[in-house]
Amino acid sequence: MYYGAPAATASDGREVGATRALLARYGTIERIPSDEALWEVGVRGAAGLARELRQRREEALLYRRLTTLRRDVPLAESLEQLAWKGVNRTALLGIRAELDLPPVST
């Protein structure tokens, strides 16, 4: 079975279904072989996807790192200080006035 139907493509043309199939099989980007001949999943456009992966693997790993919530970073703030307490209405009204926007209705 081949994955990556043309209808399931990202805006830049890369096949989302193929990427999902590879990640489902190998689990992480690091574990996907660079050589598509070693892939244990049949995907359409394998040569192009493998080339893209070889060229942009480090970039993909960076994006994953940047979007991963870290739990091992010490914070000066407490969880209570970081908790959402609603909109700072005074600050919001000040910004609206500065931008010459109409007042907020209550």
Protein backbone atom coordinates (compact mmCIF):
# COMPACT_ATOMS: atom_id res chain seq x y z
CA MET A 1 0.00 0.00 0.00
CA TYR A 2 1.23 3.48 -0.85
CA TYR A 3 0.55 6.52 1.31
CA GLY A 4 0.41 10.20 0.42
CA ALA A 5 -2.58 10.72 -1.85
CA PRO A 6 -2.39 13.97 -3.83
CA ALA A 7 -5.38 15.37 -1.89
CA ALA A 8 -3.39 15.15 1.34
CA THR A 9 -0.60 17.57 0.50
CA ALA A 10 0.72 20.61 2.34
CA SER A 11 0.68 24.02 0.67
CA ASP A 12 4.29 23.60 -0.47
CA GLY A 13 3.47 20.30 -2.20
CA ARG A 14 5.09 17.92 0.29
CA GLU A 15 2.97 14.91 0.95
CA VAL A 16 1.50 14.94 4.42
CA GLY A 17 0.26 11.34 4.22
CA ALA A 18 3.72 10.06 3.34
CA THR A 19 5.29 11.94 6.24
CA ARG A 20 2.66 10.60 8.62
CA ALA A 21 3.23 7.06 7.39
CA LEU A 22 6.98 7.36 7.92
CA LEU A 23 6.56 8.82 11.40
CA ALA A 24 4.01 6.14 12.26
CA ARG A 25 6.50 3.44 11.23
CA TYR A 26 9.73 4.93 12.65
CA GLY A 27 8.41 7.05 15.51
CA THR A 28 10.82 9.98 15.21
CA ILE A 29 12.58 11.93 12.48
CA GLU A 30 15.96 10.63 13.63
CA ARG A 31 14.90 7.03 13.04
CA ILE A 32 13.74 7.53 9.43
CA PRO A 33 16.51 6.23 7.15
CA SER A 34 18.00 8.85 4.82
CA ASP A 35 17.96 6.33 1.96
CA GLU A 36 14.39 5.71 0.78
CA ALA A 37 15.41 2.22 -0.40
CA LEU A 38 15.60 1.28 3.28
CA TRP A 39 12.10 2.51 4.10
CA GLU A 40 9.77 -0.26 5.21
CA VAL A 41 6.76 1.85 4.13
CA GLY A 42 5.82 2.49 0.51
CA VAL A 43 5.18 6.16 -0.15
CA ARG A 44 4.53 8.13 -3.32
CA GLY A 45 7.33 10.49 -4.22
CA ALA A 46 9.76 8.66 -1.95
CA ALA A 47 12.89 9.89 -3.73
CA GLY A 48 11.84 13.53 -3.47
CA LEU A 49 10.73 13.17 0.14
CA ALA A 50 14.00 11.44 1.06
CA ARG A 51 15.98 14.21 -0.65
CA GLU A 52 13.97 16.83 1.25
CA LEU A 53 14.54 14.98 4.51
CA ARG A 54 18.30 14.78 3.90
CA GLN A 55 18.48 18.48 3.08
CA ARG A 56 16.23 19.71 5.88
CA ARG A 57 16.55 17.17 8.70
CA GLU A 58 18.41 19.59 10.99
CA GLU A 59 15.79 22.26 10.35
CA ALA A 60 12.99 19.83 11.19
CA LEU A 61 14.76 18.85 14.42
CA LEU A 62 15.18 22.52 15.34
CA TYR A 63 11.47 23.21 14.80
CA ARG A 64 10.59 20.21 16.93
CA ARG A 65 12.86 21.48 19.69
CA LEU A 66 11.39 24.98 19.52
CA THR A 67 7.82 23.69 19.77
CA THR A 68 8.38 21.21 22.59
CA LEU A 69 7.19 22.25 26.04
CA ARG A 70 10.09 21.89 28.44
CA ARG A 71 9.46 20.83 32.02
CA ASP A 72 13.06 20.79 33.22
CA VAL A 73 13.71 24.55 33.09
CA PRO A 74 13.88 26.36 36.42
CA LEU A 75 11.48 29.32 36.60
CA ALA A 76 11.74 32.36 38.84
CA GLU A 77 7.93 32.66 38.76
CA SER A 78 5.54 30.39 40.60
CA LEU A 79 2.72 28.61 38.81
CA GLU A 80 0.34 31.01 40.56
CA GLN A 81 2.20 33.98 39.08
CA LEU A 82 2.03 32.45 35.61
CA ALA A 83 -1.67 31.53 35.82
CA TRP A 84 -4.04 33.42 33.49
CA LYS A 85 -6.03 35.92 35.51
CA GLY A 86 -7.95 37.52 32.69
CA VAL A 87 -7.41 40.69 30.72
CA ASN A 88 -5.73 43.66 32.38
CA ARG A 89 -8.62 46.00 31.64
CA THR A 90 -6.70 49.16 32.56
CA ALA A 91 -3.87 48.29 30.19
CA LEU A 92 -6.32 47.30 27.44
CA LEU A 93 -8.23 50.59 27.73
CA GLY A 94 -4.95 52.51 27.66
CA ILE A 95 -3.81 50.75 24.47
CA ARG A 96 -7.21 51.30 22.83
CA ALA A 97 -7.07 55.02 23.71
CA GLU A 98 -3.50 55.26 22.40
CA LEU A 99 -4.61 53.69 19.13
CA ASP A 100 -7.62 56.01 19.03
CA LEU A 101 -10.07 53.08 19.07
CA PRO A 102 -13.60 53.41 20.45
CA PRO A 103 -14.17 52.45 24.09
CA VAL A 104 -14.93 48.83 24.96
CA SER A 105 -18.56 48.22 25.84
CA THR A 106 -19.27 46.42 29.08
